[in-house]
Amino acid sequence: MNIMRVEAKQGRVDTTDTDALVLLFCDGEGLPKEDGALLDRGLGGTLRDLLQSKEFDGKAGEVVVFHTHGKIPAKRLILVGLGKRHELSLDQIRQAMGHAVKRVRQTRCGAFTVALPSVAPHGASSIDVGQTMTEGAILGSYQFTTYRSDAASMDVTAMTILAPRKDQLHQLSEGIRRGVATAEATAFVRDLCNHPSNVMTPTRIAQEAKTVAKEAGVNLKILEQKEMEKLGMGALLGVAKGSHEPPKFIILQYHGAKKKDDRPVVLVGKTITFDTGGISLKPAENMEQMKADMTGGAEVLAAMRAAARLKLPLNLISILPAAENMPGGRAMRPGDVVKTLSGKTVEVQNTDAEGRLILSDGLAYATRFKPAALIDIATLTGACVVALGQFAIGMFGTDATLKEAIREAGLRAGERVWEMPLWEEYFEQLRSDVADMRNIGGRGGGMITAALFLSKFVGDAPWIHLDIASTDWSERERAYIPKGPTGIGTRLLIQFLINRSL
């Protein structure tokens, strides 16, 4: 995807020459005092008449387009609702911009200008607003047309945020810089997850990692199958056995901290490039969505690229255990026992619970770096979908400060988390008669037992587990979220890294 150019400039709405001028309105508040009055004067009262007629109220998601017929330099106005002022959040601004850019594209405008709203959520800075507006516009314009022979839709290539005062430009520009990085990373994840699994193999993931490693300050190491065998990564290798595609264990390191020995943040992402379920074969219905079972890995890869591009002053490591889960003649069978990198043994009672197996080796390897924070992210359990639906990421963790930092980043990014219990009593469901543990814990509390399984491989590192199985795929298009792979979780990770750097 070509990423939209975004800039901030100072100017007046009534003198700005643009194909489309977007104005953001709060519900029931009439004309914004400054911008609205200037425009209404130029339009001879047309804008006030429109609002008084109740054809447009400013309700969240409401959009109206009308032509100015040369009365002002802007050729058309696009009015977008923000909802009630007292309920205004950064995500409502993000959603409004997603609606706006879709309408801009429908009008066949290649570029547009949006007036900086005169209201902001409580406590939000101009940096926050600029970042949010940029994210909403870029993500709302996302399209994946690589495999479409009839793809001829219009791209919106540029957006200008118009500020009334020059002293707002510095903060707005910094917000735009962050917003471009986070939105670009999310679009990157969506692209990777949209590619079919005959293209996006573990080998292709490794190639993408090599491209990311060209960023300043990033180093790459890829462990091949023989090296994994020497290390004893029996869980990852067991999952990969049924596929002709060789597994890859990818480690990217970014050194941005002033002190080289600062303990790093380590991100580990589940990277199953296609999940058939293995011998415990999934039903055929919706199996095509399993091309996105590598969302977690794509997100930690994208977070690495964004951290480097933003030049964040911290040390970061991203780990991607990558494999296919296939039912071949050499495939792992229910009842097999694998020995993980940590030395712990696991009885595999269901080969479709493979994500926790590859993560067990990924997490055990991550502890070698003595992380200041260890975060894994994975499309891990169907139980997460049952428990939380499509609007919350399941969160588990061992460190209260780290959990609060993730919760705050999620609220700011519009990718909210909901904490679930990590109680040792649930481990009774994972006890095996023949090994240290088994990889499933029965029907009850499936999301919890999966997280508890992972907790046995993190040592004493402050650890967070994010289950994105409920949010990684959308059945319908929303304001800035497309149908299909969403990339949700990417901006949460990057916002956490930004907040940690400040």
Protein backbone atom coordinates (compact mmCIF):
# COMPACT_ATOMS: atom_id res chain seq x y z
CA MET A 1 0.00 0.00 0.00
CA ASN A 2 1.21 3.52 -0.82
CA ILE A 3 1.09 5.53 2.39
CA MET A 4 -0.68 8.89 2.26
CA ARG A 5 1.47 12.02 2.67
CA VAL A 6 0.39 14.08 5.67
CA GLU A 7 1.48 17.57 6.64
CA ALA A 8 0.38 20.37 8.92
CA LYS A 9 0.13 23.99 7.91
CA GLN A 10 -1.30 27.19 9.31
CA GLY A 11 -4.17 28.85 7.51
CA ARG A 12 -7.83 29.88 7.38
CA VAL A 13 -10.60 27.57 6.23
CA ASP A 14 -12.32 30.27 4.19
CA THR A 15 -9.21 30.98 2.09
CA THR A 16 -7.87 27.44 1.63
CA ASP A 17 -7.93 26.17 -1.95
CA THR A 18 -8.57 22.43 -1.86
CA ASP A 19 -10.70 19.83 -3.65
CA ALA A 20 -12.28 18.77 -0.35
CA LEU A 21 -12.32 20.50 3.04
CA VAL A 22 -13.26 18.27 5.99
CA LEU A 23 -14.82 19.77 9.12
CA LEU A 24 -15.35 17.77 12.31
CA PHE A 25 -18.46 18.67 14.34
CA CYS A 26 -19.73 17.69 17.78
CA ASP A 27 -23.33 16.54 18.07
CA GLY A 28 -25.90 19.27 18.54
CA GLU A 29 -23.45 22.14 18.98
CA GLY A 30 -24.09 24.00 15.75
CA LEU A 31 -21.30 25.89 14.00
CA PRO A 32 -17.80 25.72 15.48
CA LYS A 33 -17.13 29.28 16.63
CA GLU A 34 -14.14 30.23 14.47
CA ASP A 35 -14.05 27.98 11.40
CA GLY A 36 -17.80 27.66 11.12
CA ALA A 37 -18.43 31.40 11.24
CA LEU A 38 -15.76 32.12 8.62
CA LEU A 39 -17.14 29.49 6.25
CA ASP A 40 -20.77 30.39 6.79
CA ARG A 41 -20.05 34.00 5.97
CA GLY A 42 -18.40 33.00 2.71
CA LEU A 43 -21.24 30.60 1.87
CA GLY A 44 -23.97 33.13 2.54
CA GLY A 45 -25.50 31.23 5.48
CA THR A 46 -25.78 27.86 3.71
CA LEU A 47 -23.85 26.02 6.41
CA ARG A 48 -26.00 27.39 9.23
CA ASP A 49 -29.15 26.51 7.29
CA LEU A 50 -27.92 22.92 6.89
CA LEU A 51 -27.34 22.53 10.61
CA GLN A 52 -30.61 24.18 11.59
CA SER A 53 -32.52 21.88 9.22
CA LYS A 54 -31.18 18.87 11.19
CA GLU A 55 -30.00 17.27 7.95
CA PHE A 56 -26.68 17.04 9.77
CA ASP A 57 -26.41 16.95 13.57
CA GLY A 58 -22.83 15.82 14.17
CA LYS A 59 -23.69 12.36 15.44
CA ALA A 60 -20.76 9.92 15.49
CA GLY A 61 -20.21 8.50 12.02
CA GLU A 62 -22.56 10.97 10.28
CA VAL A 63 -21.17 12.38 7.01
CA VAL A 64 -22.56 15.01 4.62
CA VAL A 65 -20.96 16.34 1.41
CA PHE A 66 -21.98 19.52 -0.39
CA HIS A 67 -20.46 21.62 -3.17
CA THR A 68 -19.56 25.25 -2.55
CA HIS A 69 -20.15 26.42 -6.16
CA GLY A 70 -17.15 28.75 -6.06
CA LYS A 71 -18.34 30.81 -3.07
CA ILE A 72 -15.16 29.85 -1.21
CA PRO A 73 -11.88 28.43 -2.59
CA ALA A 74 -12.60 24.89 -1.29
CA LYS A 75 -14.58 23.06 -3.99
CA ARG A 76 -16.60 20.92 -1.55
CA LEU A 77 -17.18 20.62 2.18
CA ILE A 78 -17.36 17.27 3.95
CA LEU A 79 -18.97 17.48 7.39
CA VAL A 80 -18.21 14.60 9.76
CA GLY A 81 -19.77 13.96 13.16
CA LEU A 82 -17.76 13.40 16.33
CA GLY A 83 -20.65 12.60 18.65
CA LYS A 84 -21.32 14.28 22.00
CA ARG A 85 -18.58 16.60 23.25
CA HIS A 86 -18.60 15.12 26.78
CA GLU A 87 -18.06 11.63 25.31
CA LEU A 88 -15.30 12.66 22.91
CA SER A 89 -12.29 10.33 22.84
CA LEU A 90 -9.21 9.99 20.68
CA ASP A 91 -10.75 6.94 19.05
CA GLN A 92 -13.87 8.90 18.04
CA ILE A 93 -11.58 11.34 16.22
CA ARG A 94 -9.81 8.36 14.63
CA GLN A 95 -13.15 6.90 13.53
CA ALA A 96 -14.35 10.25 12.19
CA MET A 97 -11.23 10.52 10.04
CA GLY A 98 -11.78 6.98 8.79
CA HIS A 99 -15.30 7.91 7.68
CA ALA A 100 -14.01 11.17 6.17
CA VAL A 101 -11.30 9.63 4.01
CA LYS A 102 -13.71 7.05 2.60
CA ARG A 103 -16.05 9.84 1.52
CA VAL A 104 -13.12 11.80 0.06
CA ARG A 105 -12.25 8.77 -2.04
CA GLN A 106 -15.87 8.42 -3.18
CA THR A 107 -15.76 12.01 -4.45
CA ARG A 108 -12.64 11.03 -6.49
CA CYS A 109 -10.41 13.59 -4.78
CA GLY A 110 -6.76 12.64 -4.62
CA ALA A 111 -5.97 15.04 -1.78
CA PHE A 112 -7.89 16.89 0.92
CA THR A 113 -7.57 19.31 3.80
CA VAL A 114 -9.02 18.82 7.27
CA ALA A 115 -9.45 21.60 9.79
CA LEU A 116 -7.99 20.90 13.22
CA PRO A 117 -11.06 20.43 15.45
CA SER A 118 -11.68 23.18 17.98
CA VAL A 119 -12.39 20.57 20.70
CA ALA A 120 -10.16 17.79 22.00
CA PRO A 121 -10.63 14.94 24.47
CA HIS A 122 -9.81 15.75 28.09
CA GLY A 123 -6.06 15.72 28.63
CA ALA A 124 -5.19 15.23 24.96
CA SER A 125 -2.34 17.29 23.50
CA SER A 126 -1.96 18.53 19.94
CA ILE A 127 0.53 15.67 19.47
CA ASP A 128 -2.19 13.17 20.43
CA VAL A 129 -4.78 14.77 18.15
CA GLY A 130 -2.38 14.99 15.21
CA GLN A 131 -1.35 11.36 15.64
CA THR A 132 -4.95 10.21 15.92
CA MET A 133 -6.17 12.15 12.87
CA THR A 134 -3.28 10.78 10.82
CA GLU A 135 -3.93 7.18 11.91
CA GLY A 136 -7.65 7.42 11.14
CA ALA A 137 -7.08 8.83 7.66
CA ILE A 138 -4.33 6.41 6.61
CA LEU A 139 -6.01 3.32 8.05
CA GLY A 140 -9.43 4.33 6.73
CA SER A 141 -7.99 4.56 3.22
CA TYR A 142 -6.42 1.08 3.37
CA GLN A 143 -7.04 -1.23 0.41
CA PHE A 144 -5.45 -4.56 -0.57
CA THR A 145 -5.67 -5.06 -4.31
CA THR A 146 -2.50 -7.01 -5.11
CA TYR A 147 -4.36 -9.96 -6.58
CA ARG A 148 -7.20 -8.04 -8.25
CA SER A 149 -6.93 -7.74 -12.02
CA ASP A 150 -9.76 -5.17 -12.02
CA ALA A 151 -8.32 -2.94 -9.29
CA ALA A 152 -8.84 0.63 -10.45
CA SER A 153 -10.05 2.38 -7.31
CA MET A 154 -8.91 5.91 -6.52
CA ASP A 155 -6.13 6.42 -3.96
CA VAL A 156 -6.17 9.38 -1.60
CA THR A 157 -2.52 10.39 -1.72
CA ALA A 158 -2.25 13.46 0.54
CA MET A 159 -3.86 15.12 3.56
CA THR A 160 -3.19 18.53 5.08
CA ILE A 161 -4.15 19.31 8.67
CA LEU A 162 -5.02 23.00 8.83
CA ALA A 163 -4.24 24.74 12.12
CA PRO A 164 -5.45 28.27 12.93
CA ARG A 165 -2.23 29.19 14.79
CA LYS A 166 1.42 28.82 13.84
CA ASP A 167 2.42 27.81 17.38
CA GLN A 168 0.40 24.57 16.99
CA LEU A 169 2.44 23.30 14.04
CA HIS A 170 5.38 21.85 15.96
CA GLN A 171 3.27 19.54 18.12
CA LEU A 172 0.98 18.67 15.22
CA SER A 173 3.96 17.71 13.08
CA GLU A 174 5.32 15.44 15.81
CA GLY A 175 1.90 13.83 16.12
CA ILE A 176 1.81 13.31 12.35
CA ARG A 177 5.27 11.71 12.47
CA ARG A 178 4.08 9.22 15.09
CA GLY A 179 0.76 8.65 13.34
CA VAL A 180 2.41 7.87 10.02
CA ALA A 181 4.73 5.35 11.71
CA THR A 182 1.94 3.57 13.61
CA ALA A 183 -0.51 3.55 10.68
CA GLU A 184 2.19 2.48 8.22
CA ALA A 185 3.07 -0.40 10.57
CA THR A 186 -0.58 -1.48 10.79
CA ALA A 187 -0.97 -1.35 7.01
CA PHE A 188 2.18 -3.47 6.73
CA VAL A 189 0.65 -6.08 9.05
CA ARG A 190 -2.61 -6.08 7.09
CA ASP A 191 -0.67 -6.61 3.87
CA LEU A 192 1.31 -9.53 5.29
CA CYS A 193 -1.86 -11.16 6.62
CA ASN A 194 -3.80 -10.57 3.39
CA HIS A 195 -1.24 -12.38 1.25
CA PRO A 196 -2.25 -16.03 0.76
CA SER A 197 -0.26 -18.73 2.49
CA ASN A 198 1.22 -20.04 -0.76
CA VAL A 199 3.00 -16.66 -0.88
CA MET A 200 3.46 -15.76 2.80
CA THR A 201 5.48 -18.80 3.90
CA PRO A 202 7.99 -18.91 6.77
CA THR A 203 10.69 -18.28 4.14
CA ARG A 204 8.87 -15.16 2.90
CA ILE A 205 8.49 -13.95 6.50
CA ALA A 206 12.28 -14.29 6.84
CA GLN A 207 12.70 -12.23 3.66
CA GLU A 208 10.44 -9.52 5.10
CA ALA A 209 12.57 -9.54 8.26
CA LYS A 210 15.70 -9.04 6.13
CA THR A 211 14.07 -5.92 4.64
CA VAL A 212 13.22 -4.58 8.10
CA ALA A 213 16.81 -5.24 9.19
CA LYS A 214 17.95 -2.60 6.68
CA GLU A 215 16.52 0.07 9.01
CA ALA A 216 19.10 2.00 11.02
CA GLY A 217 20.08 0.28 14.26
CA VAL A 218 18.43 -3.08 13.48
CA ASN A 219 20.30 -6.40 13.40
CA LEU A 220 18.93 -9.77 12.29
CA LYS A 221 19.63 -13.40 13.12
CA ILE A 222 17.71 -16.30 11.58
CA LEU A 223 17.99 -19.80 13.04
CA GLU A 224 17.46 -22.58 10.49
CA GLN A 225 16.11 -26.05 11.26
CA LYS A 226 19.49 -27.65 12.07
CA GLU A 227 20.33 -24.86 14.52
CA MET A 228 16.94 -25.28 16.20
CA GLU A 229 17.61 -29.02 16.51
CA LYS A 230 20.98 -28.34 18.19
CA LEU A 231 19.33 -25.92 20.63
CA GLY A 232 16.52 -28.37 21.41
CA MET A 233 13.48 -26.43 20.16
CA GLY A 234 11.36 -29.57 20.12
CA ALA A 235 8.03 -27.78 20.37
CA LEU A 236 8.51 -25.53 17.33
CA LEU A 237 10.07 -28.36 15.33
CA GLY A 238 7.23 -30.69 16.29
CA VAL A 239 4.65 -28.25 14.90
CA ALA A 240 6.63 -27.80 11.67
CA LYS A 241 7.13 -31.53 10.98
CA GLY A 242 4.01 -31.99 8.87
CA SER A 243 4.92 -29.25 6.37
CA HIS A 244 7.29 -29.16 3.41
CA GLU A 245 7.97 -25.52 4.31
CA PRO A 246 11.03 -25.27 6.61
CA PRO A 247 10.52 -23.39 9.89
CA LYS A 248 12.42 -20.19 10.67
CA PHE A 249 13.30 -18.70 14.05
CA ILE A 250 13.78 -14.98 13.51
CA ILE A 251 15.44 -12.59 15.98
CA LEU A 252 15.62 -8.84 15.27
CA GLN A 253 17.45 -6.48 17.62
CA TYR A 254 17.24 -2.69 17.71
CA HIS A 255 19.72 -0.70 19.81
CA GLY A 256 18.31 2.75 20.47
CA ALA A 257 19.09 3.26 24.16
CA LYS A 258 21.90 5.62 25.12
CA LYS A 259 23.28 2.90 27.40
CA LYS A 260 24.02 -0.20 25.33
CA ASP A 261 23.53 -2.47 28.34
CA ASP A 262 19.99 -1.25 29.09
CA ARG A 263 17.77 -4.30 29.45
CA PRO A 264 15.56 -4.64 26.36
CA VAL A 265 11.86 -4.91 25.78
CA VAL A 266 11.34 -8.29 24.10
CA LEU A 267 8.33 -8.97 21.87
CA VAL A 268 7.43 -12.51 20.79
CA GLY A 269 4.79 -13.08 18.10
CA LYS A 270 3.04 -16.28 17.06
CA THR A 271 3.93 -16.79 13.40
CA ILE A 272 1.94 -19.71 12.01
CA THR A 273 1.73 -18.86 8.31
CA PHE A 274 -1.14 -21.32 7.84
CA ASP A 275 -2.96 -23.41 10.43
CA THR A 276 -4.89 -26.45 9.27
CA GLY A 277 -4.98 -27.74 12.84
CA GLY A 278 -2.57 -30.51 11.87
CA ILE A 279 -3.79 -34.06 12.52
CA SER A 280 -6.49 -32.50 14.74
CA LEU A 281 -7.86 -31.00 11.52
CA LYS A 282 -9.99 -27.87 11.67
CA PRO A 283 -13.45 -27.74 10.01
CA ALA A 284 -13.31 -26.52 6.40
CA GLU A 285 -15.61 -23.54 7.05
CA ASN A 286 -13.59 -20.31 7.38
CA MET A 287 -10.27 -22.18 7.31
CA GLU A 288 -9.05 -19.69 4.70
CA GLN A 289 -8.85 -17.13 7.52
CA MET A 290 -5.99 -19.15 9.01
CA LYS A 291 -3.61 -17.36 6.64
CA ALA A 292 -3.77 -14.64 9.33
CA ASP A 293 -2.60 -16.95 12.12
CA MET A 294 0.75 -15.19 11.79
CA THR A 295 -0.70 -11.83 12.86
CA GLY A 296 1.26 -11.76 16.13
CA GLY A 297 4.55 -12.28 14.32
CA ALA A 298 3.68 -9.67 11.70
CA GLU A 299 2.92 -7.21 14.51
CA VAL A 300 6.20 -7.64 16.38
CA LEU A 301 8.01 -7.31 13.03
CA ALA A 302 6.11 -4.08 12.27
CA ALA A 303 6.74 -2.76 15.80
CA MET A 304 10.47 -3.26 15.25
CA ARG A 305 10.36 -1.29 12.00
CA ALA A 306 8.34 1.52 13.59
CA ALA A 307 10.68 1.77 16.59
CA ALA A 308 13.65 2.15 14.25
CA ARG A 309 11.91 4.72 12.05
CA LEU A 310 10.83 6.74 15.10
CA LYS A 311 14.36 6.40 16.53
CA LEU A 312 12.93 5.44 19.92
CA PRO A 313 15.56 5.63 22.69
CA LEU A 314 15.24 2.05 23.94
CA ASN A 315 16.54 -1.43 23.22
CA LEU A 316 14.05 -3.73 21.55
CA ILE A 317 14.08 -7.36 20.44
CA SER A 318 11.42 -9.01 18.26
CA ILE A 319 11.25 -12.80 18.04
CA LEU A 320 9.21 -14.66 15.40
CA PRO A 321 8.99 -18.46 15.62
CA ALA A 322 7.61 -19.18 12.13
CA ALA A 323 6.12 -22.43 10.82
CA GLU A 324 3.17 -24.01 9.02
CA ASN A 325 0.87 -26.43 10.85
CA MET A 326 0.03 -29.14 8.31
CA PRO A 327 -1.26 -32.76 8.47
CA GLY A 328 1.55 -34.41 6.46
CA GLY A 329 2.86 -37.93 6.80
CA ARG A 330 5.52 -36.83 9.31
CA ALA A 331 3.13 -34.58 11.24
CA MET A 332 2.99 -34.49 15.01
CA ARG A 333 0.25 -36.78 16.37
CA PRO A 334 -2.07 -36.46 19.35
CA GLY A 335 -0.31 -38.25 22.19
CA ASP A 336 3.20 -37.31 21.05
CA VAL A 337 5.55 -35.84 23.66
CA VAL A 338 7.89 -32.99 22.73
CA LYS A 339 10.78 -31.57 24.71
CA THR A 340 10.84 -27.78 24.67
CA LEU A 341 13.85 -25.47 24.65
CA SER A 342 13.35 -24.93 28.39
CA GLY A 343 13.74 -28.65 29.05
CA LYS A 344 10.09 -29.06 30.04
CA THR A 345 8.16 -31.82 28.27
CA VAL A 346 4.68 -31.44 26.79
CA GLU A 347 2.15 -34.10 25.87
CA VAL A 348 0.45 -32.93 22.68
CA GLN A 349 -3.20 -33.90 23.14
CA ASN A 350 -4.42 -31.62 20.35
CA THR A 351 -2.22 -30.58 17.42
CA ASP A 352 -4.47 -27.55 16.83
CA ALA A 353 -3.15 -26.04 20.06
CA GLU A 354 0.11 -25.37 18.25
CA GLY A 355 0.50 -21.65 18.93
CA ARG A 356 1.38 -22.16 22.57
CA LEU A 357 3.94 -24.80 21.53
CA ILE A 358 5.91 -22.51 19.21
CA LEU A 359 5.59 -19.67 21.73
CA SER A 360 6.99 -21.88 24.51
CA ASP A 361 10.28 -22.08 22.61
CA GLY A 362 10.07 -18.40 21.62
CA LEU A 363 9.53 -17.26 25.22
CA ALA A 364 12.23 -19.54 26.61
CA TYR A 365 14.70 -18.11 24.08
CA ALA A 366 13.59 -14.57 24.98
CA THR A 367 14.56 -15.03 28.63
CA ARG A 368 18.22 -15.26 27.52
CA PHE A 369 18.12 -11.50 26.92
CA LYS A 370 17.08 -10.77 30.55
CA PRO A 371 14.18 -8.58 29.36
CA ALA A 372 12.98 -5.54 31.28
CA ALA A 373 9.58 -6.40 29.79
CA LEU A 374 8.54 -9.54 27.92
CA ILE A 375 5.38 -9.37 25.81
CA ASP A 376 3.95 -12.06 23.59
CA ILE A 377 1.07 -11.49 21.18
CA ALA A 378 -0.83 -14.26 19.45
CA THR A 379 -4.02 -15.36 17.75
CA LEU A 380 -4.07 -18.03 20.40
CA THR A 381 -7.52 -19.31 21.38
CA GLY A 382 -11.05 -19.60 20.06
CA ALA A 383 -12.00 -19.26 23.73
CA CYS A 384 -10.94 -15.60 23.55
CA VAL A 385 -13.55 -14.99 20.85
CA VAL A 386 -16.22 -16.59 23.05
CA ALA A 387 -15.19 -14.64 26.15
CA LEU A 388 -14.54 -11.17 24.72
CA GLY A 389 -16.05 -10.93 21.23
CA GLN A 390 -14.43 -8.63 18.68
CA PHE A 391 -13.78 -5.45 20.64
CA ALA A 392 -11.25 -6.44 23.30
CA ILE A 393 -7.82 -8.05 23.44
CA GLY A 394 -7.39 -10.60 26.23
CA MET A 395 -4.54 -9.64 28.58
CA PHE A 396 -2.70 -11.74 31.16
CA GLY A 397 0.39 -10.74 33.07
CA THR A 398 2.68 -11.12 36.04
CA ASP A 399 3.63 -7.48 36.64
CA ALA A 400 1.12 -4.82 37.77
CA THR A 401 3.11 -1.84 36.45
CA LEU A 402 3.54 -3.46 33.05
CA LYS A 403 -0.14 -4.37 32.85
CA GLU A 404 -1.14 -0.77 33.59
CA ALA A 405 1.27 0.51 30.92
CA ILE A 406 -0.30 -1.85 28.36
CA ARG A 407 -3.81 -0.86 29.44
CA GLU A 408 -3.00 2.85 29.03
CA ALA A 409 -1.39 2.30 25.62
CA GLY A 410 -4.45 0.33 24.51
CA LEU A 411 -6.83 3.11 25.51
CA ARG A 412 -4.77 5.70 23.65
CA ALA A 413 -4.46 3.50 20.56
CA GLY A 414 -8.14 2.50 20.51
CA GLU A 415 -7.05 -1.14 20.89
CA ARG A 416 -8.38 -1.92 24.34
CA VAL A 417 -7.30 -4.81 26.52
CA TRP A 418 -9.26 -6.65 29.19
CA GLU A 419 -7.42 -8.45 31.95
CA MET A 420 -8.22 -12.09 32.67
CA PRO A 421 -7.09 -14.09 35.73
CA LEU A 422 -3.84 -16.01 35.74
CA TRP A 423 -4.57 -18.26 38.71
CA GLU A 424 -2.47 -21.33 39.44
CA GLU A 425 -5.56 -23.41 40.23
CA TYR A 426 -6.24 -23.64 36.49
CA PHE A 427 -2.99 -25.54 35.99
CA GLU A 428 -4.71 -28.68 37.32
CA GLN A 429 -6.39 -28.85 33.90
CA LEU A 430 -2.98 -29.02 32.21
CA ARG A 431 -1.51 -31.88 34.20
CA SER A 432 -0.38 -34.84 32.11
CA ASP A 433 0.01 -38.49 33.07
CA VAL A 434 3.15 -38.88 30.93
CA ALA A 435 4.85 -35.45 30.68
CA ASP A 436 5.36 -32.24 32.64
CA MET A 437 2.16 -30.81 31.18
CA ARG A 438 -0.23 -31.20 28.28
CA ASN A 439 -1.01 -28.56 25.69
CA ILE A 440 -4.79 -28.32 26.27
CA GLY A 441 -6.81 -27.98 29.43
CA GLY A 442 -10.31 -28.93 28.40
CA ARG A 443 -13.27 -26.78 27.47
CA GLY A 444 -13.56 -24.61 30.58
CA GLY A 445 -11.39 -21.49 30.78
CA GLY A 446 -9.56 -22.24 27.53
CA MET A 447 -8.06 -18.77 27.20
CA ILE A 448 -6.82 -18.93 30.81
CA THR A 449 -5.24 -22.38 30.58
CA ALA A 450 -3.45 -21.38 27.37
CA ALA A 451 -1.97 -18.31 29.08
CA LEU A 452 -1.05 -20.35 32.15
CA PHE A 453 0.77 -22.81 29.88
CA LEU A 454 2.84 -19.93 28.45
CA SER A 455 3.60 -18.60 31.93
CA LYS A 456 5.72 -21.70 32.61
CA PHE A 457 8.29 -20.56 30.04
CA VAL A 458 8.93 -16.90 30.97
CA GLY A 459 11.12 -17.35 34.02
CA ASP A 460 11.06 -14.33 36.35
CA ALA A 461 10.76 -11.72 33.57
CA PRO A 462 7.93 -9.15 33.87
CA TRP A 463 5.55 -10.70 31.34
CA ILE A 464 2.38 -9.87 29.42
CA HIS A 465 0.41 -12.20 27.14
CA LEU A 466 -1.99 -10.64 24.61
CA ASP A 467 -4.55 -12.92 22.96
CA ILE A 468 -5.72 -11.23 19.73
CA ALA A 469 -7.76 -14.14 18.38
CA SER A 470 -10.94 -12.12 18.87
CA THR A 471 -9.73 -8.94 17.15
CA ASP A 472 -7.35 -9.94 14.37
CA TRP A 473 -10.09 -10.53 11.75
CA SER A 474 -13.21 -8.46 11.05
CA GLU A 475 -16.27 -9.84 9.29
CA ARG A 476 -17.34 -6.36 8.21
CA GLU A 477 -15.78 -3.02 7.31
CA ARG A 478 -15.73 -0.38 10.05
CA ALA A 479 -14.56 3.25 10.15
CA TYR A 480 -10.82 2.61 9.88
CA ILE A 481 -10.85 -1.18 10.07
CA PRO A 482 -11.28 -3.18 6.85
CA LYS A 483 -13.07 -6.45 6.36
CA GLY A 484 -10.52 -9.23 6.85
CA PRO A 485 -7.15 -8.83 8.64
CA THR A 486 -7.29 -5.81 10.97
CA GLY A 487 -3.74 -5.44 12.29
CA ILE A 488 -5.22 -4.74 15.73
CA GLY A 489 -2.51 -4.97 18.35
CA THR A 490 0.16 -3.28 16.23
CA ARG A 491 -0.54 0.28 17.36
CA LEU A 492 -0.99 -0.93 20.95
CA LEU A 493 2.57 -2.30 20.94
CA ILE A 494 4.03 0.79 19.26
CA GLN A 495 2.15 3.18 21.57
CA PHE A 496 3.49 1.21 24.54
CA LEU A 497 7.02 1.63 23.17
CA ILE A 498 6.47 5.36 22.52
CA ASN A 499 5.10 5.90 26.03
CA ARG A 500 8.02 3.97 27.52
CA SER A 501 10.45 6.20 25.61
CA LEU A 502 9.06 9.53 26.80
